[in-house]
Amino acid sequence: MSQTRLYLQAPQALATRIYDLFDRAFEDDGLALAITEIDEAQGLHEVSVYAMEDADGVKTRMGAALGALPVFPEISVEELPETDWVAHALEGLRAVRAGRFFIHGAHERGGARPGEIAIEIEAGLAFGTGHHGTTAGCLEMIGRVMNREHPRNALDLGTGSAVLAIAIAKLRRIPVLATDIDPTATRVARSNVRLNEAAAWVHPVTAPGFHHRLFAERRPFDLIVANVLARPLMRLAPDMAHHLAPGGSLILSGILDRQRRAVIAAYVGQGFRHVATIHREGWATLHMKR
């Protein structure tokens, strides 16, 4: 899949300010951002935004965000070669342990310790390898919640690689609806579900938000896991309340530590209470209950 890098160079203080502006501007889009020192002697840094599509639109929005500054550098554009970056990155990644789960690639099969639940995730263009703080936090929270509760019907909203849905199914052998807005992610999810022999329990489906007939057919859910982004989670709070069974649990992530209070407030307004938070690498994973 081709990718476009839009970037600019500035002294460290200005580059940091620009990075913060872009972080806020693209918070809901899931675009990758980076800031890199390129000249130590001059204190010069480079800020990059990576776009999978609509690079012109991204460039326009970058310019709008930069409008908050009196002076700013020119935005440059670089077309990157088509590379499966997830596959490339996973080739050298070590396995991850999160709670009872051992998340690994094909190169580390058989590495699980006694009592651990092994989940193999093959390289693919979908988020969720266990290495990110949000995924690891969700896995740990799933283990905690399911150790105390006995859900019979679960939903993994924004499933990505399906690692969380597979974790739920392997832990309790219950039906899990696994949805994502991206058809590519859904294909990767199906592949991982088959790889982990979880097809009897996990049903991956392409569906934006809660707009699919299966949500009405399968609700209410005793457990909903959603590892997306803070603002979409806040907008989804009423739908979450509508689809979660009384006494059910929500596990929410994709939330920066500084966004935690706002997300909790949105769900308290829908009749939820905050139970616990796991902090990992600047990200928060929340456990909420109705």
C-alpha atoms as a PDB file:
ATOM      1  CA  MET A   1       0.000   0.000   0.000  1.00  0.00           C
ATOM      2  CA  SER A   2       1.481   3.371  -1.041  1.00  0.00           C
ATOM      3  CA  GLN A   3       1.992   6.108   1.506  1.00  0.00           C
ATOM      4  CA  THR A   4       2.778   9.824   1.360  1.00  0.00           C
ATOM      5  CA  ARG A   5       5.012  11.597   3.860  1.00  0.00           C
ATOM      6  CA  LEU A   6       4.296  15.303   4.329  1.00  0.00           C
ATOM      7  CA  TYR A   7       7.025  16.987   6.319  1.00  0.00           C
ATOM      8  CA  LEU A   8       8.683  20.252   7.310  1.00  0.00           C
ATOM      9  CA  GLN A   9      11.839  21.293   9.137  1.00  0.00           C
ATOM     10  CA  ALA A  10      12.206  23.786  11.974  1.00  0.00           C
ATOM     11  CA  PRO A  11      14.268  24.555  15.097  1.00  0.00           C
ATOM     12  CA  GLN A  12      13.413  22.299  18.043  1.00  0.00           C
ATOM     13  CA  ALA A  13      11.066  24.661  19.914  1.00  0.00           C
ATOM     14  CA  LEU A  14       9.063  25.507  16.785  1.00  0.00           C
ATOM     15  CA  ALA A  15       9.061  21.875  15.606  1.00  0.00           C
ATOM     16  CA  THR A  16       7.667  20.768  18.975  1.00  0.00           C
ATOM     17  CA  ARG A  17       4.923  23.395  18.724  1.00  0.00           C
ATOM     18  CA  ILE A  18       4.094  22.254  15.183  1.00  0.00           C
ATOM     19  CA  TYR A  19       3.992  18.597  16.254  1.00  0.00           C
ATOM     20  CA  ASP A  20       1.507  19.490  19.033  1.00  0.00           C
ATOM     21  CA  LEU A  21      -0.699  21.377  16.540  1.00  0.00           C
ATOM     22  CA  PHE A  22      -0.717  18.406  14.155  1.00  0.00           C
ATOM     23  CA  ASP A  23      -1.364  15.986  17.028  1.00  0.00           C
ATOM     24  CA  ARG A  24      -4.549  17.878  17.896  1.00  0.00           C
ATOM     25  CA  ALA A  25      -5.581  18.403  14.260  1.00  0.00           C
ATOM     26  CA  PHE A  26      -5.301  14.696  13.344  1.00  0.00           C
ATOM     27  CA  GLU A  27      -6.257  13.161  16.709  1.00  0.00           C
ATOM     28  CA  ASP A  28      -9.401  11.516  15.313  1.00  0.00           C
ATOM     29  CA  ASP A  29      -7.815  10.284  12.080  1.00  0.00           C
ATOM     30  CA  GLY A  30      -5.265   7.794  13.344  1.00  0.00           C
ATOM     31  CA  LEU A  31      -2.532   9.195  11.067  1.00  0.00           C
ATOM     32  CA  ALA A  32       1.039   8.456  12.071  1.00  0.00           C
ATOM     33  CA  LEU A  33       3.067  11.479  13.189  1.00  0.00           C
ATOM     34  CA  ALA A  34       6.788  11.722  13.930  1.00  0.00           C
ATOM     35  CA  ILE A  35       9.316  14.304  15.092  1.00  0.00           C
ATOM     36  CA  THR A  36      13.001  13.577  14.448  1.00  0.00           C
ATOM     37  CA  GLU A  37      16.230  15.443  15.089  1.00  0.00           C
ATOM     38  CA  ILE A  38      18.089  15.779  11.777  1.00  0.00           C
ATOM     39  CA  ASP A  39      20.886  18.238  12.665  1.00  0.00           C
ATOM     40  CA  GLU A  40      22.143  18.250  16.252  1.00  0.00           C
ATOM     41  CA  ALA A  41      24.563  21.154  15.727  1.00  0.00           C
ATOM     42  CA  GLN A  42      21.838  23.465  14.418  1.00  0.00           C
ATOM     43  CA  GLY A  43      19.091  22.027  16.637  1.00  0.00           C
ATOM     44  CA  LEU A  44      17.033  21.290  13.520  1.00  0.00           C
ATOM     45  CA  HIS A  45      14.082  18.875  13.729  1.00  0.00           C
ATOM     46  CA  GLU A  46      11.734  17.372  11.137  1.00  0.00           C
ATOM     47  CA  VAL A  47       8.001  16.870  11.708  1.00  0.00           C
ATOM     48  CA  SER A  48       6.266  14.284   9.486  1.00  0.00           C
ATOM     49  CA  VAL A  49       2.660  13.278   8.865  1.00  0.00           C
ATOM     50  CA  TYR A  50       2.046   9.989   7.006  1.00  0.00           C
ATOM     51  CA  ALA A  51      -1.055   9.778   4.791  1.00  0.00           C
ATOM     52  CA  MET A  52      -2.381   6.566   3.217  1.00  0.00           C
ATOM     53  CA  GLU A  53      -4.819   8.496   1.011  1.00  0.00           C
ATOM     54  CA  ASP A  54      -5.977  12.054   0.189  1.00  0.00           C
ATOM     55  CA  ALA A  55      -2.528  13.558   0.686  1.00  0.00           C
ATOM     56  CA  ASP A  56      -3.749  16.875  -0.772  1.00  0.00           C
ATOM     57  CA  GLY A  57      -6.494  17.051   1.835  1.00  0.00           C
ATOM     58  CA  VAL A  58      -4.024  16.240   4.619  1.00  0.00           C
ATOM     59  CA  LYS A  59      -1.678  18.959   3.342  1.00  0.00           C
ATOM     60  CA  THR A  60      -4.520  21.487   3.369  1.00  0.00           C
ATOM     61  CA  ARG A  61      -5.392  20.590   6.951  1.00  0.00           C
ATOM     62  CA  MET A  62      -1.733  20.842   7.952  1.00  0.00           C
ATOM     63  CA  GLY A  63      -1.667  24.344   6.504  1.00  0.00           C
ATOM     64  CA  ALA A  64      -4.814  25.257   8.431  1.00  0.00           C
ATOM     65  CA  ALA A  65      -3.260  24.005  11.677  1.00  0.00           C
ATOM     66  CA  LEU A  66      -0.108  26.011  10.989  1.00  0.00           C
ATOM     67  CA  GLY A  67      -2.245  29.124  10.651  1.00  0.00           C
ATOM     68  CA  ALA A  68      -2.058  29.438  14.421  1.00  0.00           C
ATOM     69  CA  LEU A  69       1.621  30.401  14.015  1.00  0.00           C
ATOM     70  CA  PRO A  70       2.872  33.825  12.824  1.00  0.00           C
ATOM     71  CA  VAL A  71       5.574  32.170  10.667  1.00  0.00           C
ATOM     72  CA  PHE A  72       6.008  28.549   9.617  1.00  0.00           C
ATOM     73  CA  PRO A  73       8.176  26.538   7.181  1.00  0.00           C
ATOM     74  CA  GLU A  74       7.059  25.131   3.843  1.00  0.00           C
ATOM     75  CA  ILE A  75       5.483  21.664   3.730  1.00  0.00           C
ATOM     76  CA  SER A  76       7.348  19.158   1.544  1.00  0.00           C
ATOM     77  CA  VAL A  77       5.917  15.945   0.092  1.00  0.00           C
ATOM     78  CA  GLU A  78       7.574  12.542  -0.403  1.00  0.00           C
ATOM     79  CA  GLU A  79       5.942   9.517  -2.031  1.00  0.00           C
ATOM     80  CA  LEU A  80       7.009   6.354  -0.214  1.00  0.00           C
ATOM     81  CA  PRO A  81       7.284   2.930  -1.923  1.00  0.00           C
ATOM     82  CA  GLU A  82       4.558   0.345  -1.500  1.00  0.00           C
ATOM     83  CA  THR A  83       5.591  -1.674   1.549  1.00  0.00           C
ATOM     84  CA  ASP A  84       3.684  -3.797   4.035  1.00  0.00           C
ATOM     85  CA  TRP A  85       5.117  -1.839   6.965  1.00  0.00           C
ATOM     86  CA  VAL A  86       3.397  -3.984   9.572  1.00  0.00           C
ATOM     87  CA  ALA A  87       4.893  -7.152   8.085  1.00  0.00           C
ATOM     88  CA  HIS A  88       8.274  -5.477   7.869  1.00  0.00           C
ATOM     89  CA  ALA A  89       8.138  -4.356  11.481  1.00  0.00           C
ATOM     90  CA  LEU A  90       6.865  -7.669  12.832  1.00  0.00           C
ATOM     91  CA  GLU A  91       9.744  -9.628  11.327  1.00  0.00           C
ATOM     92  CA  GLY A  92      12.027  -8.573  14.167  1.00  0.00           C
ATOM     93  CA  LEU A  93       9.555  -7.988  16.984  1.00  0.00           C
ATOM     94  CA  ARG A  94       9.799  -9.982  20.163  1.00  0.00           C
ATOM     95  CA  ALA A  95       6.748 -11.642  21.688  1.00  0.00           C
ATOM     96  CA  VAL A  96       4.689  -9.657  24.197  1.00  0.00           C
ATOM     97  CA  ARG A  97       3.324 -10.792  27.545  1.00  0.00           C
ATOM     98  CA  ALA A  98       0.253  -8.951  28.839  1.00  0.00           C
ATOM     99  CA  GLY A  99      -1.526 -10.500  31.800  1.00  0.00           C
ATOM    100  CA  ARG A 100      -2.086 -14.181  30.967  1.00  0.00           C
ATOM    101  CA  PHE A 101      -1.577 -13.655  27.238  1.00  0.00           C
ATOM    102  CA  PHE A 102       1.506 -14.419  25.142  1.00  0.00           C
ATOM    103  CA  ILE A 103       1.255 -12.576  21.805  1.00  0.00           C
ATOM    104  CA  HIS A 104       3.773 -13.784  19.233  1.00  0.00           C
ATOM    105  CA  GLY A 105       4.598 -14.153  15.568  1.00  0.00           C
ATOM    106  CA  ALA A 106       5.299 -17.347  13.696  1.00  0.00           C
ATOM    107  CA  HIS A 107       9.000 -17.038  14.562  1.00  0.00           C
ATOM    108  CA  GLU A 108       8.241 -17.519  18.297  1.00  0.00           C
ATOM    109  CA  ARG A 109       5.761 -20.392  18.262  1.00  0.00           C
ATOM    110  CA  GLY A 110       6.083 -22.612  21.286  1.00  0.00           C
ATOM    111  CA  GLY A 111       7.438 -19.833  23.499  1.00  0.00           C
ATOM    112  CA  ALA A 112       4.469 -19.638  25.877  1.00  0.00           C
ATOM    113  CA  ARG A 113       5.075 -20.489  29.522  1.00  0.00           C
ATOM    114  CA  PRO A 114       2.860 -22.956  31.438  1.00  0.00           C
ATOM    115  CA  GLY A 115      -0.505 -21.329  32.145  1.00  0.00           C
ATOM    116  CA  GLU A 116      -0.132 -18.662  29.447  1.00  0.00           C
ATOM    117  CA  ILE A 117      -2.608 -18.305  26.587  1.00  0.00           C
ATOM    118  CA  ALA A 118      -0.726 -18.082  23.286  1.00  0.00           C
ATOM    119  CA  ILE A 119      -2.102 -15.933  20.450  1.00  0.00           C
ATOM    120  CA  GLU A 120      -0.287 -15.864  17.117  1.00  0.00           C
ATOM    121  CA  ILE A 121      -0.716 -12.704  15.074  1.00  0.00           C
ATOM    122  CA  GLU A 122       0.524 -12.846  11.502  1.00  0.00           C
ATOM    123  CA  ALA A 123       1.822  -9.722   9.785  1.00  0.00           C
ATOM    124  CA  GLY A 124      -0.949  -7.784   8.079  1.00  0.00           C
ATOM    125  CA  LEU A 125      -2.227  -4.276   7.446  1.00  0.00           C
ATOM    126  CA  ALA A 126      -4.222  -3.963  10.665  1.00  0.00           C
ATOM    127  CA  PHE A 127      -3.583  -2.431  14.063  1.00  0.00           C
ATOM    128  CA  GLY A 128      -3.041  -4.687  17.042  1.00  0.00           C
ATOM    129  CA  THR A 129       0.122  -6.691  17.623  1.00  0.00           C
ATOM    130  CA  GLY A 130       0.246  -6.336  21.405  1.00  0.00           C
ATOM    131  CA  HIS A 131       3.307  -4.079  21.269  1.00  0.00           C
ATOM    132  CA  HIS A 132       1.343  -0.828  21.541  1.00  0.00           C
ATOM    133  CA  GLY A 133       0.428   0.385  25.030  1.00  0.00           C
ATOM    134  CA  THR A 134      -3.290   0.438  24.190  1.00  0.00           C
ATOM    135  CA  THR A 135      -3.421  -3.180  22.976  1.00  0.00           C
ATOM    136  CA  ALA A 136      -1.309  -4.466  25.862  1.00  0.00           C
ATOM    137  CA  GLY A 137      -3.455  -2.500  28.332  1.00  0.00           C
ATOM    138  CA  CYS A 138      -6.641  -4.004  26.872  1.00  0.00           C
ATOM    139  CA  LEU A 139      -5.245  -7.527  27.074  1.00  0.00           C
ATOM    140  CA  GLU A 140      -4.300  -7.037  30.710  1.00  0.00           C
ATOM    141  CA  MET A 141      -7.701  -5.527  31.526  1.00  0.00           C
ATOM    142  CA  ILE A 142      -9.549  -8.349  29.715  1.00  0.00           C
ATOM    143  CA  GLY A 143      -7.764 -10.843  31.926  1.00  0.00           C
ATOM    144  CA  ARG A 144      -8.657  -8.917  35.084  1.00  0.00           C
ATOM    145  CA  VAL A 145     -12.323  -8.398  34.184  1.00  0.00           C
ATOM    146  CA  MET A 146     -12.954 -11.933  32.962  1.00  0.00           C
ATOM    147  CA  ASN A 147     -11.301 -13.358  36.044  1.00  0.00           C
ATOM    148  CA  ARG A 148     -14.093 -11.747  38.118  1.00  0.00           C
ATOM    149  CA  GLU A 149     -17.008 -11.789  35.695  1.00  0.00           C
ATOM    150  CA  HIS A 150     -18.557 -14.401  33.409  1.00  0.00           C
ATOM    151  CA  PRO A 151     -19.752 -12.690  30.216  1.00  0.00           C
ATOM    152  CA  ARG A 152     -21.627 -14.836  27.730  1.00  0.00           C
ATOM    153  CA  ASN A 153     -21.725 -12.459  24.737  1.00  0.00           C
ATOM    154  CA  ALA A 154     -18.940 -10.017  23.782  1.00  0.00           C
ATOM    155  CA  LEU A 155     -18.192  -7.307  21.242  1.00  0.00           C
ATOM    156  CA  ASP A 156     -14.769  -6.136  20.043  1.00  0.00           C
ATOM    157  CA  LEU A 157     -15.471  -2.759  18.388  1.00  0.00           C
ATOM    158  CA  GLY A 158     -12.660  -1.645  16.061  1.00  0.00           C
ATOM    159  CA  THR A 159     -11.087  -5.082  16.104  1.00  0.00           C
ATOM    160  CA  GLY A 160      -8.032  -4.445  13.885  1.00  0.00           C
ATOM    161  CA  SER A 161      -6.008  -7.668  13.962  1.00  0.00           C
ATOM    162  CA  ALA A 162      -8.715  -9.328  16.162  1.00  0.00           C
ATOM    163  CA  VAL A 163      -6.159  -9.990  18.899  1.00  0.00           C
ATOM    164  CA  LEU A 164      -8.581  -8.813  21.616  1.00  0.00           C
ATOM    165  CA  ALA A 165     -11.505 -10.846  20.264  1.00  0.00           C
ATOM    166  CA  ILE A 166      -9.288 -13.923  20.065  1.00  0.00           C
ATOM    167  CA  ALA A 167      -8.090 -13.312  23.634  1.00  0.00           C
ATOM    168  CA  ILE A 168     -11.692 -13.211  24.914  1.00  0.00           C
ATOM    169  CA  ALA A 169     -12.651 -16.350  23.000  1.00  0.00           C
ATOM    170  CA  LYS A 170      -9.588 -18.307  24.140  1.00  0.00           C
ATOM    171  CA  LEU A 171     -10.166 -17.300  27.733  1.00  0.00           C
ATOM    172  CA  ARG A 172     -13.869 -18.204  27.969  1.00  0.00           C
ATOM    173  CA  ARG A 173     -15.057 -19.847  24.697  1.00  0.00           C
ATOM    174  CA  ILE A 174     -17.910 -17.352  24.255  1.00  0.00           C
ATOM    175  CA  PRO A 175     -19.260 -15.743  21.050  1.00  0.00           C
ATOM    176  CA  VAL A 176     -17.465 -12.503  20.109  1.00  0.00           C
ATOM    177  CA  LEU A 177     -18.638 -10.105  17.394  1.00  0.00           C
ATOM    178  CA  ALA A 178     -15.486  -8.416  16.024  1.00  0.00           C
ATOM    179  CA  THR A 179     -16.145  -5.322  13.887  1.00  0.00           C
ATOM    180  CA  ASP A 180     -13.988  -2.803  12.034  1.00  0.00           C
ATOM    181  CA  ILE A 181     -14.685   0.017   9.573  1.00  0.00           C
ATOM    182  CA  ASP A 182     -11.774  -1.094   7.351  1.00  0.00           C
ATOM    183  CA  PRO A 183     -12.374  -4.106   5.046  1.00  0.00           C
ATOM    184  CA  THR A 184      -8.614  -4.785   4.976  1.00  0.00           C
ATOM    185  CA  ALA A 185      -8.565  -5.028   8.768  1.00  0.00           C
ATOM    186  CA  THR A 186     -11.536  -7.385   8.649  1.00  0.00           C
ATOM    187  CA  ARG A 187      -9.697  -9.668   6.205  1.00  0.00           C
ATOM    188  CA  VAL A 188      -6.641  -9.689   8.461  1.00  0.00           C
ATOM    189  CA  ALA A 189      -8.908 -10.387  11.453  1.00  0.00           C
ATOM    190  CA  ARG A 190     -10.488 -13.401   9.723  1.00  0.00           C
ATOM    191  CA  SER A 191      -7.046 -14.766   8.892  1.00  0.00           C
ATOM    192  CA  ASN A 192      -5.855 -14.418  12.483  1.00  0.00           C
ATOM    193  CA  VAL A 193      -9.061 -15.962  13.826  1.00  0.00           C
ATOM    194  CA  ARG A 194      -8.519 -19.028  11.620  1.00  0.00           C
ATOM    195  CA  LEU A 195      -4.837 -19.166  12.536  1.00  0.00           C
ATOM    196  CA  ASN A 196      -5.753 -19.300  16.238  1.00  0.00           C
ATOM    197  CA  GLU A 197      -8.579 -21.825  15.717  1.00  0.00           C
ATOM    198  CA  ALA A 198     -11.135 -19.371  17.110  1.00  0.00           C
ATOM    199  CA  ALA A 199     -13.574 -19.277  14.174  1.00  0.00           C
ATOM    200  CA  ALA A 200     -16.226 -21.138  16.187  1.00  0.00           C
ATOM    201  CA  TRP A 201     -16.511 -18.137  18.522  1.00  0.00           C
ATOM    202  CA  VAL A 202     -15.213 -14.999  16.756  1.00  0.00           C
ATOM    203  CA  HIS A 203     -17.229 -13.427  13.919  1.00  0.00           C
ATOM    204  CA  PRO A 204     -15.339 -10.584  12.118  1.00  0.00           C
ATOM    205  CA  VAL A 205     -17.555  -8.112  10.218  1.00  0.00           C
ATOM    206  CA  THR A 206     -16.946  -4.818   8.414  1.00  0.00           C
ATOM    207  CA  ALA A 207     -19.215  -2.247  10.068  1.00  0.00           C
ATOM    208  CA  PRO A 208     -18.834   1.460  10.942  1.00  0.00           C
ATOM    209  CA  GLY A 209     -19.860   2.360  14.493  1.00  0.00           C
ATOM    210  CA  PHE A 210     -22.985   0.440  15.468  1.00  0.00           C
ATOM    211  CA  HIS A 211     -24.519   0.555  11.971  1.00  0.00           C
ATOM    212  CA  HIS A 212     -25.040  -3.096  11.062  1.00  0.00           C
ATOM    213  CA  ARG A 213     -27.996  -5.426  11.561  1.00  0.00           C
ATOM    214  CA  LEU A 214     -25.823  -7.807  13.607  1.00  0.00           C
ATOM    215  CA  PHE A 215     -25.607  -5.280  16.453  1.00  0.00           C
ATOM    216  CA  ALA A 216     -29.381  -5.357  16.873  1.00  0.00           C
ATOM    217  CA  GLU A 217     -29.448  -9.140  16.525  1.00  0.00           C
ATOM    218  CA  ARG A 218     -26.612  -9.821  18.987  1.00  0.00           C
ATOM    219  CA  ARG A 219     -27.259  -7.189  21.663  1.00  0.00           C
ATOM    220  CA  PRO A 220     -27.189  -6.876  24.599  1.00  0.00           C
ATOM    221  CA  PHE A 221     -23.500  -7.590  25.132  1.00  0.00           C
ATOM    222  CA  ASP A 222     -22.143  -8.489  28.570  1.00  0.00           C
ATOM    223  CA  LEU A 223     -18.687  -7.206  27.589  1.00  0.00           C
ATOM    224  CA  ILE A 224     -17.656  -4.572  25.033  1.00  0.00           C
ATOM    225  CA  VAL A 225     -14.019  -3.848  24.256  1.00  0.00           C
ATOM    226  CA  ALA A 226     -13.205  -0.778  22.126  1.00  0.00           C
ATOM    227  CA  ASN A 227      -9.611   0.188  21.375  1.00  0.00           C
ATOM    228  CA  VAL A 228     -10.110   3.164  19.058  1.00  0.00           C
ATOM    229  CA  LEU A 229      -9.570   6.884  19.859  1.00  0.00           C
ATOM    230  CA  ALA A 230     -10.830   9.169  22.622  1.00  0.00           C
ATOM    231  CA  ARG A 231     -13.161  11.429  20.643  1.00  0.00           C
ATOM    232  CA  PRO A 232     -14.925   8.614  18.756  1.00  0.00           C
ATOM    233  CA  LEU A 233     -15.312   6.796  22.082  1.00  0.00           C
ATOM    234  CA  MET A 234     -16.977   9.868  23.601  1.00  0.00           C
ATOM    235  CA  ARG A 235     -19.370  10.134  20.650  1.00  0.00           C
ATOM    236  CA  LEU A 236     -20.204   6.425  20.952  1.00  0.00           C
ATOM    237  CA  ALA A 237     -21.130   6.611  24.658  1.00  0.00           C
ATOM    238  CA  PRO A 238     -24.943   6.617  24.077  1.00  0.00           C
ATOM    239  CA  ASP A 239     -24.686   3.659  21.666  1.00  0.00           C
ATOM    240  CA  MET A 240     -22.495   1.786  24.143  1.00  0.00           C
ATOM    241  CA  ALA A 241     -25.133   2.277  26.834  1.00  0.00           C
ATOM    242  CA  HIS A 242     -27.831   1.054  24.428  1.00  0.00           C
ATOM    243  CA  HIS A 243     -25.946  -2.118  23.483  1.00  0.00           C
ATOM    244  CA  LEU A 244     -24.431  -3.129  26.846  1.00  0.00           C
ATOM    245  CA  ALA A 245     -26.424  -5.332  29.214  1.00  0.00           C
ATOM    246  CA  PRO A 246     -27.186  -3.959  32.703  1.00  0.00           C
ATOM    247  CA  GLY A 247     -24.230  -4.850  34.908  1.00  0.00           C
ATOM    248  CA  GLY A 248     -22.037  -5.386  31.848  1.00  0.00           C
ATOM    249  CA  SER A 249     -18.464  -4.145  31.482  1.00  0.00           C
ATOM    250  CA  LEU A 250     -16.788  -1.788  29.029  1.00  0.00           C
ATOM    251  CA  ILE A 251     -13.051  -1.848  28.352  1.00  0.00           C
ATOM    252  CA  LEU A 252     -12.011   1.335  26.533  1.00  0.00           C
ATOM    253  CA  SER A 253      -8.607   2.320  25.176  1.00  0.00           C
ATOM    254  CA  GLY A 254      -6.885   4.427  22.535  1.00  0.00           C
ATOM    255  CA  ILE A 255      -7.037   7.158  25.188  1.00  0.00           C
ATOM    256  CA  LEU A 256      -4.083   9.381  26.015  1.00  0.00           C
ATOM    257  CA  ASP A 257      -3.556   9.905  29.742  1.00  0.00           C
ATOM    258  CA  ARG A 258      -4.548  13.563  29.353  1.00  0.00           C
ATOM    259  CA  GLN A 259      -7.880  12.537  27.734  1.00  0.00           C
ATOM    260  CA  ARG A 260      -8.863  10.086  30.466  1.00  0.00           C
ATOM    261  CA  ARG A 261     -11.069  12.415  32.545  1.00  0.00           C
ATOM    262  CA  ALA A 262     -13.039  13.633  29.525  1.00  0.00           C
ATOM    263  CA  VAL A 263     -13.797  10.076  28.384  1.00  0.00           C
ATOM    264  CA  ILE A 264     -14.855   9.012  31.882  1.00  0.00           C
ATOM    265  CA  ALA A 265     -17.154  12.064  32.118  1.00  0.00           C
ATOM    266  CA  ALA A 266     -18.843  11.177  28.805  1.00  0.00           C
ATOM    267  CA  TYR A 267     -19.643   7.684  30.079  1.00  0.00           C
ATOM    268  CA  VAL A 268     -20.685   8.758  33.585  1.00  0.00           C
ATOM    269  CA  GLY A 269     -23.242  10.938  31.781  1.00  0.00           C
ATOM    270  CA  GLN A 270     -24.673   7.735  30.248  1.00  0.00           C
ATOM    271  CA  GLY A 271     -25.031   5.912  33.575  1.00  0.00           C
ATOM    272  CA  PHE A 272     -21.619   4.240  33.749  1.00  0.00           C
ATOM    273  CA  ARG A 273     -19.196   4.245  36.670  1.00  0.00           C
ATOM    274  CA  HIS A 274     -15.429   4.069  36.493  1.00  0.00           C
ATOM    275  CA  VAL A 275     -13.940   0.909  38.026  1.00  0.00           C
ATOM    276  CA  ALA A 276     -10.237   0.940  37.165  1.00  0.00           C
ATOM    277  CA  THR A 277      -7.543   2.370  34.886  1.00  0.00           C
ATOM    278  CA  ILE A 278      -4.367   0.762  33.552  1.00  0.00           C
ATOM    279  CA  HIS A 279      -1.638   3.188  32.426  1.00  0.00           C
ATOM    280  CA  ARG A 280       0.915   2.069  29.809  1.00  0.00           C
ATOM    281  CA  GLU A 281       3.354   4.248  27.850  1.00  0.00           C
ATOM    282  CA  GLY A 282       1.229   7.401  28.137  1.00  0.00           C
ATOM    283  CA  TRP A 283      -2.033   5.597  27.263  1.00  0.00           C
ATOM    284  CA  ALA A 284      -4.970   4.762  29.529  1.00  0.00           C
ATOM    285  CA  THR A 285      -7.216   1.684  29.417  1.00  0.00           C
ATOM    286  CA  LEU A 286     -10.498   2.112  31.291  1.00  0.00           C
ATOM    287  CA  HIS A 287     -12.877  -0.377  32.871  1.00  0.00           C
ATOM    288  CA  MET A 288     -16.412   1.044  33.114  1.00  0.00           C
ATOM    289  CA  LYS A 289     -19.620  -0.623  34.284  1.00  0.00           C
ATOM    290  CA  ARG A 290     -23.324   0.132  33.916  1.00  0.00           C
END
